[in-house]
Each structure stands twice: as structure tokens, then as C-alpha cells.
Amino acid sequence: MSYKFLEGITVADVAFEATAPTLEKLFADAGIAVVATQINNVTAIKARVKKKIKIKAENIEELLFKFLDELIFIKDKDLLLFSKFTDMKISKDGSSLDCTAHGEKLDVKRHQTLVDVKAVTMHQFEVKRVARGWKARVILDV
């Protein structure tokens, strides 16, 4: 995976940075990082359910924020966790996202839970173009 967890954030927060050659890969990796914050082994999540996700936003940062927020909402509402994102399409102007999320319902017998992510925060949140593609910095409230 092309994300890493960051140290030095308060105990109520988890931070990560994701890097990828494309926006689509960046969004998918950031989505997996959110799940990896909550579940010890993302690969234990089977692709039993498919869910279409469509997001609209004013810009690329808001788009990533809303995408990650939607994953948290789906987890809270339906107890669904995702291990893969396919058919990821992001508009050239960064105002829309369309993808298919693959996963299953949380099963406490098979999925070793870590912490519950409550929200994505705007604190130090960023998405930027870098020499080898894209980079995002995200802090999650847990």
C-alpha cells in the first residue's frame, strides 16, 4: 500500500499520508487507509458486497474529504467495510467521483477491530500534486 501512519498526533486522532501516481489510486489507497485504521487486516475483508459510490464536490480536496466521509458513514449505517475500490473515475476538474466499493459487513469474529473512526477532520488536510503523482494528508478523529 502507498500510505503510512504518522506519529505525534493526539490520542484522539490517527493521521496518514497517501501517495500515488494517479488521483484514482490515491483515493483508493486513502479509502483503504481509513479501513486499516479500524480493522487489523484489511485483506480479511471479503468482496461479498458491491456498492456504487458517487460524490460531487467543489474541488479535489473536498472530493477526497467527502469520499472518506462517505466510507465512514456507510460503516456506521450499514456496518460495511471495503477492501477494494474499482472503476474509480475522477473528473478532470476534481468535482466528481464514481467508483465501485467491494467489501462485506463487519464480522467481529473474523475482523480484528482496532479503533472506531468517527470523522475525517480538516486539520492539516491536503491533496496536492507532487513530482511522482499525488499526495494526501489526512487526520481522522477516533
N, C-alpha and C. Protein backbone atom coordinates (compact mmCIF):
# COMPACT_ATOMS: atom_id res chain seq x y z
N MET A 1 0.84 -1.19 0.00
CA MET A 1 0.00 0.00 0.00
C MET A 1 0.88 1.24 0.00
N SER A 2 0.36 2.29 -0.56
CA SER A 2 1.14 3.52 -0.61
C SER A 2 0.59 4.55 0.37
N TYR A 3 0.41 4.11 1.62
CA TYR A 3 0.06 5.03 2.69
C TYR A 3 0.88 4.66 3.91
N LYS A 4 1.10 5.65 4.80
CA LYS A 4 1.82 5.38 6.04
C LYS A 4 1.15 6.16 7.15
N PHE A 5 1.12 5.56 8.35
CA PHE A 5 0.56 6.24 9.50
C PHE A 5 1.60 7.16 10.10
N LEU A 6 1.17 8.32 10.60
CA LEU A 6 2.07 9.34 11.13
C LEU A 6 2.00 9.37 12.65
N GLU A 7 3.11 9.64 13.27
CA GLU A 7 3.21 9.72 14.73
C GLU A 7 3.04 11.16 15.18
N GLY A 8 2.85 11.35 16.50
CA GLY A 8 2.84 12.69 17.07
C GLY A 8 1.50 13.39 17.03
N ILE A 9 0.45 12.70 16.65
CA ILE A 9 -0.89 13.26 16.65
C ILE A 9 -1.53 12.87 17.99
N THR A 10 -2.52 13.61 18.45
CA THR A 10 -3.13 13.31 19.75
C THR A 10 -3.72 11.90 19.76
N VAL A 11 -3.97 11.38 20.96
CA VAL A 11 -4.51 10.03 21.08
C VAL A 11 -5.93 9.91 20.53
N ALA A 12 -6.58 11.02 20.30
CA ALA A 12 -7.93 11.00 19.74
C ALA A 12 -7.92 11.08 18.21
N ASP A 13 -6.72 11.09 17.63
CA ASP A 13 -6.60 11.21 16.18
C ASP A 13 -5.63 10.17 15.63
N VAL A 14 -5.85 9.82 14.38
CA VAL A 14 -4.92 8.99 13.61
C VAL A 14 -4.67 9.74 12.33
N ALA A 15 -3.39 9.86 11.96
CA ALA A 15 -3.05 10.58 10.74
C ALA A 15 -2.35 9.64 9.76
N PHE A 16 -2.57 9.89 8.47
CA PHE A 16 -1.84 9.14 7.46
C PHE A 16 -1.58 10.02 6.25
N GLU A 17 -0.56 9.64 5.50
CA GLU A 17 -0.27 10.23 4.20
C GLU A 17 -0.38 9.13 3.17
N ALA A 18 -0.98 9.44 2.04
CA ALA A 18 -1.07 8.50 0.93
C ALA A 18 -0.42 9.15 -0.28
N THR A 19 0.31 8.37 -1.05
CA THR A 19 0.91 8.85 -2.29
C THR A 19 0.58 7.86 -3.40
N ALA A 20 0.41 8.38 -4.60
CA ALA A 20 0.08 7.52 -5.72
C ALA A 20 0.37 8.24 -7.03
N PRO A 21 0.58 7.48 -8.09
CA PRO A 21 0.86 8.11 -9.38
C PRO A 21 -0.37 8.78 -10.02
N THR A 22 -1.58 8.36 -9.60
CA THR A 22 -2.82 8.94 -10.16
C THR A 22 -3.77 9.30 -9.03
N LEU A 23 -4.70 10.19 -9.34
CA LEU A 23 -5.73 10.55 -8.35
C LEU A 23 -6.58 9.34 -7.99
N GLU A 24 -6.92 8.53 -8.97
CA GLU A 24 -7.76 7.35 -8.72
C GLU A 24 -7.08 6.42 -7.72
N LYS A 25 -5.81 6.16 -7.90
CA LYS A 25 -5.07 5.29 -6.98
C LYS A 25 -4.94 5.95 -5.60
N LEU A 26 -4.72 7.27 -5.59
CA LEU A 26 -4.64 8.00 -4.32
C LEU A 26 -5.93 7.84 -3.53
N PHE A 27 -7.07 8.04 -4.17
CA PHE A 27 -8.35 7.93 -3.49
C PHE A 27 -8.57 6.50 -2.99
N ALA A 28 -8.27 5.51 -3.82
CA ALA A 28 -8.44 4.11 -3.41
C ALA A 28 -7.55 3.79 -2.20
N ASP A 29 -6.29 4.22 -2.25
CA ASP A 29 -5.38 3.95 -1.14
C ASP A 29 -5.80 4.68 0.13
N ALA A 30 -6.27 5.91 0.00
CA ALA A 30 -6.75 6.65 1.17
C ALA A 30 -7.98 5.94 1.76
N GLY A 31 -8.85 5.42 0.91
CA GLY A 31 -10.01 4.67 1.39
C GLY A 31 -9.59 3.43 2.16
N ILE A 32 -8.60 2.72 1.66
CA ILE A 32 -8.08 1.53 2.34
C ILE A 32 -7.42 1.92 3.67
N ALA A 33 -6.73 3.05 3.69
CA ALA A 33 -6.09 3.52 4.93
C ALA A 33 -7.13 3.78 6.01
N VAL A 34 -8.28 4.33 5.63
CA VAL A 34 -9.35 4.57 6.61
C VAL A 34 -9.83 3.22 7.18
N VAL A 35 -9.99 2.24 6.32
CA VAL A 35 -10.41 0.91 6.79
C VAL A 35 -9.32 0.28 7.66
N ALA A 36 -8.06 0.43 7.25
CA ALA A 36 -6.94 -0.14 8.01
C ALA A 36 -6.78 0.50 9.39
N THR A 37 -7.32 1.68 9.55
CA THR A 37 -7.33 2.32 10.86
C THR A 37 -8.27 1.57 11.81
N GLN A 38 -9.29 0.95 11.24
CA GLN A 38 -10.34 0.32 12.03
C GLN A 38 -10.21 -1.19 12.17
N ILE A 39 -9.59 -1.82 11.17
CA ILE A 39 -9.50 -3.28 11.11
C ILE A 39 -8.03 -3.67 10.97
N ASN A 40 -7.59 -4.64 11.76
CA ASN A 40 -6.19 -5.04 11.76
C ASN A 40 -5.72 -5.59 10.41
N ASN A 41 -6.56 -6.34 9.72
CA ASN A 41 -6.14 -6.99 8.48
C ASN A 41 -7.19 -6.74 7.40
N VAL A 42 -6.97 -5.74 6.58
CA VAL A 42 -7.93 -5.39 5.52
C VAL A 42 -8.12 -6.55 4.55
N THR A 43 -7.09 -7.36 4.34
CA THR A 43 -7.21 -8.49 3.41
C THR A 43 -8.20 -9.54 3.90
N ALA A 44 -8.58 -9.49 5.19
CA ALA A 44 -9.58 -10.42 5.72
C ALA A 44 -11.00 -10.04 5.29
N ILE A 45 -11.15 -8.84 4.74
CA ILE A 45 -12.47 -8.38 4.29
C ILE A 45 -12.73 -8.96 2.90
N LYS A 46 -13.72 -9.80 2.80
CA LYS A 46 -14.08 -10.45 1.53
C LYS A 46 -14.90 -9.50 0.67
N ALA A 47 -14.79 -9.66 -0.63
CA ALA A 47 -15.55 -8.83 -1.58
C ALA A 47 -16.91 -9.49 -1.84
N ARG A 48 -17.79 -9.46 -0.84
CA ARG A 48 -19.11 -10.10 -0.95
C ARG A 48 -20.20 -9.13 -1.38
N VAL A 49 -19.95 -7.85 -1.16
CA VAL A 49 -20.94 -6.81 -1.46
C VAL A 49 -20.29 -5.77 -2.36
N LYS A 50 -21.03 -5.31 -3.36
CA LYS A 50 -20.58 -4.20 -4.21
C LYS A 50 -21.48 -3.01 -3.94
N LYS A 51 -20.87 -1.84 -3.82
CA LYS A 51 -21.65 -0.62 -3.60
C LYS A 51 -21.10 0.47 -4.49
N LYS A 52 -21.99 1.08 -5.28
CA LYS A 52 -21.60 2.22 -6.11
C LYS A 52 -21.51 3.45 -5.22
N ILE A 53 -20.44 4.21 -5.41
CA ILE A 53 -20.26 5.45 -4.67
C ILE A 53 -20.09 6.57 -5.68
N LYS A 54 -20.91 7.61 -5.53
CA LYS A 54 -20.84 8.79 -6.39
C LYS A 54 -20.77 10.01 -5.48
N ILE A 55 -19.80 10.88 -5.74
CA ILE A 55 -19.59 12.06 -4.92
C ILE A 55 -19.43 13.27 -5.83
N LYS A 56 -19.96 14.40 -5.41
CA LYS A 56 -19.77 15.69 -6.10
C LYS A 56 -19.14 16.65 -5.11
N ALA A 57 -18.28 17.54 -5.63
CA ALA A 57 -17.59 18.50 -4.76
C ALA A 57 -17.16 19.71 -5.57
N GLU A 58 -16.69 20.72 -4.86
CA GLU A 58 -16.20 21.96 -5.49
C GLU A 58 -14.78 21.82 -6.01
N ASN A 59 -13.97 20.96 -5.35
CA ASN A 59 -12.57 20.81 -5.73
C ASN A 59 -12.05 19.45 -5.27
N ILE A 60 -10.80 19.16 -5.61
CA ILE A 60 -10.24 17.84 -5.35
C ILE A 60 -10.10 17.54 -3.86
N GLU A 61 -9.75 18.54 -3.05
CA GLU A 61 -9.64 18.31 -1.61
C GLU A 61 -11.01 17.98 -1.00
N GLU A 62 -12.01 18.74 -1.38
CA GLU A 62 -13.36 18.47 -0.87
C GLU A 62 -13.85 17.10 -1.35
N LEU A 63 -13.46 16.72 -2.56
CA LEU A 63 -13.87 15.43 -3.11
C LEU A 63 -13.29 14.28 -2.28
N LEU A 64 -12.00 14.35 -1.95
CA LEU A 64 -11.41 13.29 -1.12
C LEU A 64 -12.04 13.30 0.27
N PHE A 65 -12.23 14.47 0.84
CA PHE A 65 -12.84 14.58 2.16
C PHE A 65 -14.22 13.90 2.15
N LYS A 66 -15.05 14.24 1.17
CA LYS A 66 -16.40 13.67 1.10
C LYS A 66 -16.38 12.17 0.83
N PHE A 67 -15.43 11.69 0.02
CA PHE A 67 -15.30 10.26 -0.25
C PHE A 67 -14.99 9.50 1.03
N LEU A 68 -13.99 9.96 1.77
CA LEU A 68 -13.62 9.28 3.01
C LEU A 68 -14.75 9.38 4.04
N ASP A 69 -15.40 10.53 4.10
CA ASP A 69 -16.54 10.71 5.00
C ASP A 69 -17.67 9.74 4.64
N GLU A 70 -17.89 9.52 3.36
CA GLU A 70 -18.93 8.58 2.91
C GLU A 70 -18.60 7.16 3.36
N LEU A 71 -17.33 6.76 3.30
CA LEU A 71 -16.93 5.43 3.75
C LEU A 71 -17.22 5.25 5.24
N ILE A 72 -16.97 6.29 6.02
CA ILE A 72 -17.25 6.24 7.46
C ILE A 72 -18.76 6.16 7.69
N PHE A 73 -19.54 6.94 6.94
CA PHE A 73 -21.00 6.92 7.06
C PHE A 73 -21.55 5.53 6.74
N ILE A 74 -21.06 4.92 5.66
CA ILE A 74 -21.53 3.58 5.27
C ILE A 74 -21.17 2.56 6.35
N LYS A 75 -19.98 2.69 6.92
CA LYS A 75 -19.58 1.80 8.02
C LYS A 75 -20.52 1.95 9.20
N ASP A 76 -20.81 3.19 9.56
CA ASP A 76 -21.69 3.44 10.71
C ASP A 76 -23.13 3.00 10.45
N LYS A 77 -23.62 3.27 9.26
CA LYS A 77 -25.02 2.99 8.93
C LYS A 77 -25.27 1.50 8.63
N ASP A 78 -24.41 0.92 7.78
CA ASP A 78 -24.65 -0.44 7.29
C ASP A 78 -23.66 -1.47 7.82
N LEU A 79 -22.68 -1.04 8.61
CA LEU A 79 -21.61 -1.91 9.12
C LEU A 79 -20.80 -2.53 7.98
N LEU A 80 -20.71 -1.83 6.84
CA LEU A 80 -19.95 -2.32 5.70
C LEU A 80 -18.53 -1.77 5.72
N LEU A 81 -17.59 -2.67 5.48
CA LEU A 81 -16.18 -2.32 5.35
C LEU A 81 -15.73 -2.72 3.95
N PHE A 82 -14.84 -1.93 3.36
CA PHE A 82 -14.40 -2.19 2.00
C PHE A 82 -12.92 -2.50 1.94
N SER A 83 -12.56 -3.45 1.06
CA SER A 83 -11.17 -3.83 0.90
C SER A 83 -10.64 -3.52 -0.50
N LYS A 84 -11.52 -3.03 -1.36
CA LYS A 84 -11.10 -2.76 -2.74
C LYS A 84 -12.05 -1.75 -3.37
N PHE A 85 -11.48 -0.90 -4.24
CA PHE A 85 -12.27 0.06 -5.00
C PHE A 85 -11.91 -0.10 -6.47
N THR A 86 -12.92 -0.30 -7.31
CA THR A 86 -12.68 -0.48 -8.74
C THR A 86 -13.46 0.55 -9.55
N ASP A 87 -13.15 0.59 -10.83
CA ASP A 87 -13.82 1.51 -11.76
C ASP A 87 -13.81 2.94 -11.24
N MET A 88 -12.73 3.32 -10.57
CA MET A 88 -12.60 4.67 -10.00
C MET A 88 -12.43 5.67 -11.14
N LYS A 89 -13.35 6.61 -11.19
CA LYS A 89 -13.29 7.68 -12.19
C LYS A 89 -13.44 9.02 -11.46
N ILE A 90 -12.46 9.88 -11.68
CA ILE A 90 -12.49 11.22 -11.11
C ILE A 90 -12.44 12.21 -12.27
N SER A 91 -13.35 13.16 -12.25
CA SER A 91 -13.40 14.14 -13.35
C SER A 91 -12.11 14.95 -13.39
N LYS A 92 -11.77 15.44 -14.56
CA LYS A 92 -10.53 16.22 -14.74
C LYS A 92 -10.48 17.44 -13.84
N ASP A 93 -11.63 18.06 -13.56
CA ASP A 93 -11.64 19.24 -12.71
C ASP A 93 -11.76 18.91 -11.21
N GLY A 94 -11.79 17.62 -10.88
CA GLY A 94 -11.83 17.20 -9.48
C GLY A 94 -13.15 17.44 -8.79
N SER A 95 -14.24 17.55 -9.58
CA SER A 95 -15.54 17.85 -8.98
C SER A 95 -16.45 16.64 -8.82
N SER A 96 -16.04 15.47 -9.35
CA SER A 96 -16.90 14.30 -9.19
C SER A 96 -16.09 13.02 -9.17
N LEU A 97 -16.63 12.04 -8.47
CA LEU A 97 -16.03 10.73 -8.32
C LEU A 97 -17.11 9.69 -8.50
N ASP A 98 -16.76 8.60 -9.16
CA ASP A 98 -17.66 7.47 -9.36
C ASP A 98 -16.80 6.22 -9.23
N CYS A 99 -17.20 5.30 -8.35
CA CYS A 99 -16.45 4.05 -8.20
C CYS A 99 -17.35 2.95 -7.65
N THR A 100 -16.81 1.74 -7.63
CA THR A 100 -17.47 0.61 -7.00
C THR A 100 -16.61 0.15 -5.84
N ALA A 101 -17.22 0.07 -4.66
CA ALA A 101 -16.53 -0.40 -3.46
C ALA A 101 -16.91 -1.86 -3.23
N HIS A 102 -15.92 -2.67 -2.89
CA HIS A 102 -16.13 -4.11 -2.66
C HIS A 102 -15.79 -4.42 -1.21
N GLY A 103 -16.69 -5.12 -0.53
CA GLY A 103 -16.43 -5.47 0.86
C GLY A 103 -17.50 -6.35 1.45
N GLU A 104 -17.65 -6.24 2.75
CA GLU A 104 -18.64 -7.05 3.46
C GLU A 104 -18.97 -6.40 4.79
N LYS A 105 -20.01 -6.95 5.44
CA LYS A 105 -20.39 -6.47 6.77
C LYS A 105 -19.31 -6.83 7.78
N LEU A 106 -19.16 -5.95 8.75
CA LEU A 106 -18.23 -6.19 9.85
C LEU A 106 -18.62 -7.48 10.56
N ASP A 107 -17.66 -8.36 10.73
CA ASP A 107 -17.86 -9.62 11.45
C ASP A 107 -16.80 -9.66 12.56
N VAL A 108 -17.23 -9.38 13.79
CA VAL A 108 -16.27 -9.28 14.90
C VAL A 108 -15.55 -10.60 15.17
N LYS A 109 -16.07 -11.70 14.68
CA LYS A 109 -15.39 -12.99 14.85
C LYS A 109 -14.21 -13.12 13.88
N ARG A 110 -14.30 -12.49 12.72
CA ARG A 110 -13.24 -12.59 11.72
C ARG A 110 -12.40 -11.33 11.57
N HIS A 111 -12.98 -10.18 11.85
CA HIS A 111 -12.28 -8.91 11.67
C HIS A 111 -11.82 -8.38 13.03
N GLN A 112 -10.52 -8.35 13.22
CA GLN A 112 -9.98 -7.84 14.48
C GLN A 112 -10.06 -6.31 14.45
N THR A 113 -10.96 -5.77 15.26
CA THR A 113 -11.16 -4.32 15.26
C THR A 113 -10.07 -3.61 16.06
N LEU A 114 -9.77 -2.40 15.63
CA LEU A 114 -8.76 -1.57 16.28
C LEU A 114 -9.43 -0.39 16.97
N VAL A 115 -9.75 0.65 16.22
CA VAL A 115 -10.44 1.82 16.75
C VAL A 115 -11.61 2.14 15.83
N ASP A 116 -12.55 2.90 16.35
CA ASP A 116 -13.69 3.33 15.54
C ASP A 116 -13.41 4.75 15.04
N VAL A 117 -13.40 4.91 13.73
CA VAL A 117 -13.20 6.24 13.16
C VAL A 117 -14.54 6.96 13.18
N LYS A 118 -14.54 8.15 13.81
CA LYS A 118 -15.76 8.95 13.91
C LYS A 118 -15.91 9.90 12.73
N ALA A 119 -14.78 10.49 12.28
CA ALA A 119 -14.87 11.51 11.24
C ALA A 119 -13.51 11.80 10.63
N VAL A 120 -13.54 12.38 9.45
CA VAL A 120 -12.37 12.97 8.82
C VAL A 120 -12.31 14.41 9.31
N THR A 121 -11.12 14.91 9.62
CA THR A 121 -11.02 16.30 10.06
C THR A 121 -10.38 17.14 8.95
N MET A 122 -10.62 18.44 9.01
CA MET A 122 -9.99 19.35 8.06
C MET A 122 -8.62 19.81 8.54
N HIS A 123 -8.26 19.49 9.78
CA HIS A 123 -6.97 19.90 10.34
C HIS A 123 -5.84 19.30 9.51
N GLN A 124 -5.01 20.14 8.93
CA GLN A 124 -3.87 19.75 8.09
C GLN A 124 -4.25 18.89 6.89
N PHE A 125 -5.52 18.85 6.54
CA PHE A 125 -5.98 18.06 5.40
C PHE A 125 -5.46 18.69 4.12
N GLU A 126 -4.89 17.86 3.24
CA GLU A 126 -4.44 18.40 1.95
C GLU A 126 -4.35 17.31 0.90
N VAL A 127 -4.54 17.74 -0.33
CA VAL A 127 -4.31 16.92 -1.51
C VAL A 127 -3.48 17.79 -2.44
N LYS A 128 -2.34 17.26 -2.88
CA LYS A 128 -1.51 18.08 -3.76
C LYS A 128 -0.76 17.22 -4.77
N ARG A 129 -0.46 17.86 -5.88
CA ARG A 129 0.34 17.22 -6.92
C ARG A 129 1.80 17.25 -6.46
N VAL A 130 2.49 16.12 -6.62
CA VAL A 130 3.91 16.02 -6.29
C VAL A 130 4.66 15.49 -7.51
N ALA A 131 5.97 15.40 -7.42
CA ALA A 131 6.81 15.01 -8.56
C ALA A 131 6.36 13.70 -9.20
N ARG A 132 5.97 12.74 -8.40
CA ARG A 132 5.60 11.42 -8.94
C ARG A 132 4.11 11.14 -8.90
N GLY A 133 3.30 12.18 -8.90
CA GLY A 133 1.85 11.97 -8.91
C GLY A 133 1.12 12.85 -7.93
N TRP A 134 0.52 12.21 -6.90
CA TRP A 134 -0.33 12.91 -5.94
C TRP A 134 -0.03 12.46 -4.52
N LYS A 135 -0.31 13.35 -3.58
CA LYS A 135 -0.10 13.08 -2.17
C LYS A 135 -1.27 13.66 -1.38
N ALA A 136 -1.71 12.93 -0.37
CA ALA A 136 -2.77 13.42 0.52
C ALA A 136 -2.32 13.24 1.95
N ARG A 137 -2.73 14.16 2.80
CA ARG A 137 -2.51 14.07 4.24
C ARG A 137 -3.88 14.14 4.89
N VAL A 138 -4.17 13.17 5.76
CA VAL A 138 -5.50 13.05 6.36
C VAL A 138 -5.35 12.78 7.86
N ILE A 139 -6.16 13.46 8.66
CA ILE A 139 -6.25 13.18 10.08
C ILE A 139 -7.68 12.75 10.39
N LEU A 140 -7.79 11.60 11.05
CA LEU A 140 -9.08 11.02 11.39
C LEU A 140 -9.34 11.18 12.88
N ASP A 141 -10.57 11.54 13.24
CA ASP A 141 -10.99 11.60 14.63
C ASP A 141 -11.45 10.20 15.03
N VAL A 142 -10.84 9.65 16.08
CA VAL A 142 -11.20 8.29 16.52
C VAL A 142 -11.74 8.32 17.94
